[in-house]
Amino acid sequence: MFKTKPAMILSVVAALIPLVIYLFLYSRMPDTVPIHYDSNFADRFVSKSALSLSC
């Protein structure tokens, strides 16, 4: 899958960055967050602790 070990390490780090940012900002997020936008406004909201984020 990966030709070199540095490529694998870079891929893992790149995949973990959004998770780290999310965990850092979690406490600052509002209790209800938008998950779907229609044209110019949000039309679907869920609790920030919801496990299912499907539209």
PDB file of N, CA and C in Angstrom:
ATOM      1  N   MET A   1       0.815  -1.184   0.000  1.00  0.00           N
ATOM      2  CA  MET A   1       0.000   0.000   0.000  1.00  0.00           C
ATOM      3  C   MET A   1       0.867   1.260   0.000  1.00  0.00           C
ATOM      4  N   PHE A   2       1.800   1.368   0.920  1.00  0.00           N
ATOM      5  CA  PHE A   2       2.724   2.493   0.952  1.00  0.00           C
ATOM      6  C   PHE A   2       4.090   2.009   0.480  1.00  0.00           C
ATOM      7  N   LYS A   3       4.722   2.804  -0.349  1.00  0.00           N
ATOM      8  CA  LYS A   3       6.023   2.393  -0.876  1.00  0.00           C
ATOM      9  C   LYS A   3       7.148   2.642   0.106  1.00  0.00           C
ATOM     10  N   THR A   4       6.976   3.654   0.948  1.00  0.00           N
ATOM     11  CA  THR A   4       8.020   3.952   1.928  1.00  0.00           C
ATOM     12  C   THR A   4       7.396   4.207   3.296  1.00  0.00           C
ATOM     13  N   LYS A   5       8.190   4.018   4.309  1.00  0.00           N
ATOM     14  CA  LYS A   5       7.718   4.258   5.669  1.00  0.00           C
ATOM     15  C   LYS A   5       7.405   5.742   5.906  1.00  0.00           C
ATOM     16  N   PRO A   6       8.220   6.682   5.390  1.00  0.00           N
ATOM     17  CA  PRO A   6       7.865   8.100   5.569  1.00  0.00           C
ATOM     18  C   PRO A   6       6.513   8.465   4.948  1.00  0.00           C
ATOM     19  N   ALA A   7       6.164   7.831   3.833  1.00  0.00           N
ATOM     20  CA  ALA A   7       4.865   8.090   3.216  1.00  0.00           C
ATOM     21  C   ALA A   7       3.734   7.622   4.129  1.00  0.00           C
ATOM     22  N   MET A   8       3.914   6.484   4.774  1.00  0.00           N
ATOM     23  CA  MET A   8       2.915   5.978   5.702  1.00  0.00           C
ATOM     24  C   MET A   8       2.792   6.910   6.904  1.00  0.00           C
ATOM     25  N   ILE A   9       3.897   7.342   7.454  1.00  0.00           N
ATOM     26  CA  ILE A   9       3.882   8.239   8.609  1.00  0.00           C
ATOM     27  C   ILE A   9       3.204   9.559   8.251  1.00  0.00           C
ATOM     28  N   LEU A  10       3.517  10.106   7.098  1.00  0.00           N
ATOM     29  CA  LEU A  10       2.904  11.352   6.653  1.00  0.00           C
ATOM     30  C   LEU A  10       1.392  11.190   6.487  1.00  0.00           C
ATOM     31  N   SER A  11       0.962  10.081   5.957  1.00  0.00           N
ATOM     32  CA  SER A  11      -0.467   9.825   5.782  1.00  0.00           C
ATOM     33  C   SER A  11      -1.187   9.719   7.124  1.00  0.00           C
ATOM     34  N   VAL A  12      -0.591   9.047   8.072  1.00  0.00           N
ATOM     35  CA  VAL A  12      -1.200   8.907   9.399  1.00  0.00           C
ATOM     36  C   VAL A  12      -1.294  10.270  10.081  1.00  0.00           C
ATOM     37  N   VAL A  13      -0.230  11.049  10.010  1.00  0.00           N
ATOM     38  CA  VAL A  13      -0.238  12.384  10.613  1.00  0.00           C
ATOM     39  C   VAL A  13      -1.305  13.259   9.949  1.00  0.00           C
ATOM     40  N   ALA A  14      -1.393  13.212   8.623  1.00  0.00           N
ATOM     41  CA  ALA A  14      -2.391  14.008   7.904  1.00  0.00           C
ATOM     42  C   ALA A  14      -3.810  13.583   8.285  1.00  0.00           C
ATOM     43  N   ALA A  15      -4.020  12.319   8.552  1.00  0.00           N
ATOM     44  CA  ALA A  15      -5.346  11.837   8.939  1.00  0.00           C
ATOM     45  C   ALA A  15      -5.685  12.216  10.383  1.00  0.00           C
ATOM     46  N   LEU A  16      -4.682  12.339  11.242  1.00  0.00           N
ATOM     47  CA  LEU A  16      -4.927  12.648  12.649  1.00  0.00           C
ATOM     48  C   LEU A  16      -5.119  14.140  12.917  1.00  0.00           C
ATOM     49  N   ILE A  17      -4.646  14.996  12.036  1.00  0.00           N
ATOM     50  CA  ILE A  17      -4.748  16.444  12.259  1.00  0.00           C
ATOM     51  C   ILE A  17      -6.199  16.894  12.444  1.00  0.00           C
ATOM     52  N   PRO A  18      -7.150  16.515  11.566  1.00  0.00           N
ATOM     53  CA  PRO A  18      -8.539  16.944  11.798  1.00  0.00           C
ATOM     54  C   PRO A  18      -9.124  16.425  13.114  1.00  0.00           C
ATOM     55  N   LEU A  19      -8.764  15.221  13.505  1.00  0.00           N
ATOM     56  CA  LEU A  19      -9.248  14.664  14.757  1.00  0.00           C
ATOM     57  C   LEU A  19      -8.734  15.465  15.952  1.00  0.00           C
ATOM     58  N   VAL A  20      -7.471  15.812  15.930  1.00  0.00           N
ATOM     59  CA  VAL A  20      -6.874  16.599  17.013  1.00  0.00           C
ATOM     60  C   VAL A  20      -7.532  17.976  17.090  1.00  0.00           C
ATOM     61  N   ILE A  21      -7.749  18.606  15.944  1.00  0.00           N
ATOM     62  CA  ILE A  21      -8.406  19.921  15.918  1.00  0.00           C
ATOM     63  C   ILE A  21      -9.825  19.811  16.477  1.00  0.00           C
ATOM     64  N   TYR A  22     -10.554  18.773  16.065  1.00  0.00           N
ATOM     65  CA  TYR A  22     -11.916  18.559  16.558  1.00  0.00           C
ATOM     66  C   TYR A  22     -11.922  18.382  18.073  1.00  0.00           C
ATOM     67  N   LEU A  23     -11.049  17.569  18.594  1.00  0.00           N
ATOM     68  CA  LEU A  23     -11.005  17.346  20.042  1.00  0.00           C
ATOM     69  C   LEU A  23     -10.628  18.612  20.793  1.00  0.00           C
ATOM     70  N   PHE A  24      -9.745  19.414  20.237  1.00  0.00           N
ATOM     71  CA  PHE A  24      -9.326  20.665  20.867  1.00  0.00           C
ATOM     72  C   PHE A  24     -10.493  21.660  20.902  1.00  0.00           C
ATOM     73  N   LEU A  25     -11.290  21.718  19.842  1.00  0.00           N
ATOM     74  CA  LEU A  25     -12.367  22.697  19.740  1.00  0.00           C
ATOM     75  C   LEU A  25     -13.710  22.201  20.274  1.00  0.00           C
ATOM     76  N   TYR A  26     -13.818  20.942  20.643  1.00  0.00           N
ATOM     77  CA  TYR A  26     -15.092  20.356  21.055  1.00  0.00           C
ATOM     78  C   TYR A  26     -15.769  21.155  22.168  1.00  0.00           C
ATOM     79  N   SER A  27     -15.044  21.532  23.170  1.00  0.00           N
ATOM     80  CA  SER A  27     -15.647  22.248  24.305  1.00  0.00           C
ATOM     81  C   SER A  27     -16.123  23.644  23.912  1.00  0.00           C
ATOM     82  N   ARG A  28     -15.603  24.192  22.835  1.00  0.00           N
ATOM     83  CA  ARG A  28     -15.995  25.532  22.386  1.00  0.00           C
ATOM     84  C   ARG A  28     -17.162  25.509  21.400  1.00  0.00           C
ATOM     85  N   MET A  29     -17.533  24.326  20.929  1.00  0.00           N
ATOM     86  CA  MET A  29     -18.640  24.211  19.972  1.00  0.00           C
ATOM     87  C   MET A  29     -19.972  24.435  20.673  1.00  0.00           C
ATOM     88  N   PRO A  30     -20.965  25.002  19.944  1.00  0.00           N
ATOM     89  CA  PRO A  30     -22.305  25.113  20.545  1.00  0.00           C
ATOM     90  C   PRO A  30     -22.901  23.718  20.736  1.00  0.00           C
ATOM     91  N   ASP A  31     -23.921  23.627  21.596  1.00  0.00           N
ATOM     92  CA  ASP A  31     -24.541  22.319  21.859  1.00  0.00           C
ATOM     93  C   ASP A  31     -25.195  21.728  20.625  1.00  0.00           C
ATOM     94  N   THR A  32     -25.718  22.574  19.753  1.00  0.00           N
ATOM     95  CA  THR A  32     -26.343  22.124  18.516  1.00  0.00           C
ATOM     96  C   THR A  32     -25.536  22.655  17.342  1.00  0.00           C
ATOM     97  N   VAL A  33     -25.153  21.753  16.430  1.00  0.00           N
ATOM     98  CA  VAL A  33     -24.334  22.156  15.291  1.00  0.00           C
ATOM     99  C   VAL A  33     -25.035  21.799  13.976  1.00  0.00           C
ATOM    100  N   PRO A  34     -24.880  22.656  12.963  1.00  0.00           N
ATOM    101  CA  PRO A  34     -25.492  22.353  11.659  1.00  0.00           C
ATOM    102  C   PRO A  34     -24.709  21.261  10.935  1.00  0.00           C
ATOM    103  N   ILE A  35     -25.421  20.364  10.266  1.00  0.00           N
ATOM    104  CA  ILE A  35     -24.738  19.320   9.499  1.00  0.00           C
ATOM    105  C   ILE A  35     -25.153  19.311   8.035  1.00  0.00           C
ATOM    106  N   HIS A  36     -26.162  20.119   7.685  1.00  0.00           N
ATOM    107  CA  HIS A  36     -26.599  20.170   6.285  1.00  0.00           C
ATOM    108  C   HIS A  36     -27.035  21.579   5.945  1.00  0.00           C
ATOM    109  N   TYR A  37     -26.586  22.044   4.789  1.00  0.00           N
ATOM    110  CA  TYR A  37     -26.947  23.380   4.316  1.00  0.00           C
ATOM    111  C   TYR A  37     -27.724  23.265   3.020  1.00  0.00           C
ATOM    112  N   ASP A  38     -28.778  24.067   2.897  1.00  0.00           N
ATOM    113  CA  ASP A  38     -29.582  24.117   1.677  1.00  0.00           C
ATOM    114  C   ASP A  38     -29.559  25.559   1.178  1.00  0.00           C
ATOM    115  N   SER A  39     -28.946  25.776   0.067  1.00  0.00           N
ATOM    116  CA  SER A  39     -28.777  27.114  -0.505  1.00  0.00           C
ATOM    117  C   SER A  39     -27.970  27.998   0.430  1.00  0.00           C
ATOM    118  N   ASN A  40     -28.658  28.893   1.142  1.00  0.00           N
ATOM    119  CA  ASN A  40     -27.953  29.881   1.960  1.00  0.00           C
ATOM    120  C   ASN A  40     -28.124  29.690   3.457  1.00  0.00           C
ATOM    121  N   PHE A  41     -28.779  28.622   3.885  1.00  0.00           N
ATOM    122  CA  PHE A  41     -29.014  28.465   5.317  1.00  0.00           C
ATOM    123  C   PHE A  41     -28.912  27.000   5.733  1.00  0.00           C
ATOM    124  N   ALA A  42     -28.670  26.807   7.013  1.00  0.00           N
ATOM    125  CA  ALA A  42     -28.598  25.456   7.563  1.00  0.00           C
ATOM    126  C   ALA A  42     -30.013  24.938   7.771  1.00  0.00           C
ATOM    127  N   ASP A  43     -30.261  23.694   7.348  1.00  0.00           N
ATOM    128  CA  ASP A  43     -31.599  23.136   7.507  1.00  0.00           C
ATOM    129  C   ASP A  43     -31.636  21.830   8.299  1.00  0.00           C
ATOM    130  N   ARG A  44     -30.512  21.430   8.841  1.00  0.00           N
ATOM    131  CA  ARG A  44     -30.499  20.245   9.701  1.00  0.00           C
ATOM    132  C   ARG A  44     -29.453  20.437  10.781  1.00  0.00           C
ATOM    133  N   PHE A  45     -29.862  20.180  12.025  1.00  0.00           N
ATOM    134  CA  PHE A  45     -28.994  20.361  13.176  1.00  0.00           C
ATOM    135  C   PHE A  45     -28.976  19.083  14.009  1.00  0.00           C
ATOM    136  N   VAL A  46     -27.876  18.838  14.689  1.00  0.00           N
ATOM    137  CA  VAL A  46     -27.771  17.717  15.624  1.00  0.00           C
ATOM    138  C   VAL A  46     -27.010  18.185  16.862  1.00  0.00           C
ATOM    139  N   SER A  47     -27.146  17.413  17.913  1.00  0.00           N
ATOM    140  CA  SER A  47     -26.369  17.672  19.119  1.00  0.00           C
ATOM    141  C   SER A  47     -24.904  17.394  18.819  1.00  0.00           C
ATOM    142  N   LYS A  48     -24.017  18.174  19.412  1.00  0.00           N
ATOM    143  CA  LYS A  48     -22.592  17.974  19.140  1.00  0.00           C
ATOM    144  C   LYS A  48     -22.099  16.615  19.627  1.00  0.00           C
ATOM    145  N   SER A  49     -22.854  15.986  20.507  1.00  0.00           N
ATOM    146  CA  SER A  49     -22.449  14.667  21.001  1.00  0.00           C
ATOM    147  C   SER A  49     -23.102  13.523  20.250  1.00  0.00           C
ATOM    148  N   ALA A  50     -23.870  13.836  19.182  1.00  0.00           N
ATOM    149  CA  ALA A  50     -24.548  12.792  18.410  1.00  0.00           C
ATOM    150  C   ALA A  50     -23.525  11.921  17.690  1.00  0.00           C
ATOM    151  N   LEU A  51     -23.750  10.629  17.670  1.00  0.00           N
ATOM    152  CA  LEU A  51     -22.840   9.714  17.000  1.00  0.00           C
ATOM    153  C   LEU A  51     -23.149   9.586  15.523  1.00  0.00           C
ATOM    154  N   SER A  52     -24.398   9.728  15.156  1.00  0.00           N
ATOM    155  CA  SER A  52     -24.805   9.593  13.761  1.00  0.00           C
ATOM    156  C   SER A  52     -24.884  10.971  13.121  1.00  0.00           C
ATOM    157  N   LEU A  53     -24.060  11.198  12.108  1.00  0.00           N
ATOM    158  CA  LEU A  53     -24.053  12.487  11.418  1.00  0.00           C
ATOM    159  C   LEU A  53     -24.484  12.347   9.973  1.00  0.00           C
ATOM    160  N   SER A  54     -25.265  11.325   9.674  1.00  0.00           N
ATOM    161  CA  SER A  54     -25.713  11.140   8.292  1.00  0.00           C
ATOM    162  C   SER A  54     -26.790  12.155   7.935  1.00  0.00           C
ATOM    163  N   CYS A  55     -26.809  12.532   6.660  1.00  0.00           N
ATOM    164  CA  CYS A  55     -27.788  13.541   6.198  1.00  0.00           C
ATOM    165  C   CYS A  55     -29.069  12.896   5.786  1.00  0.00           C
TER     166      CYS A  55
END
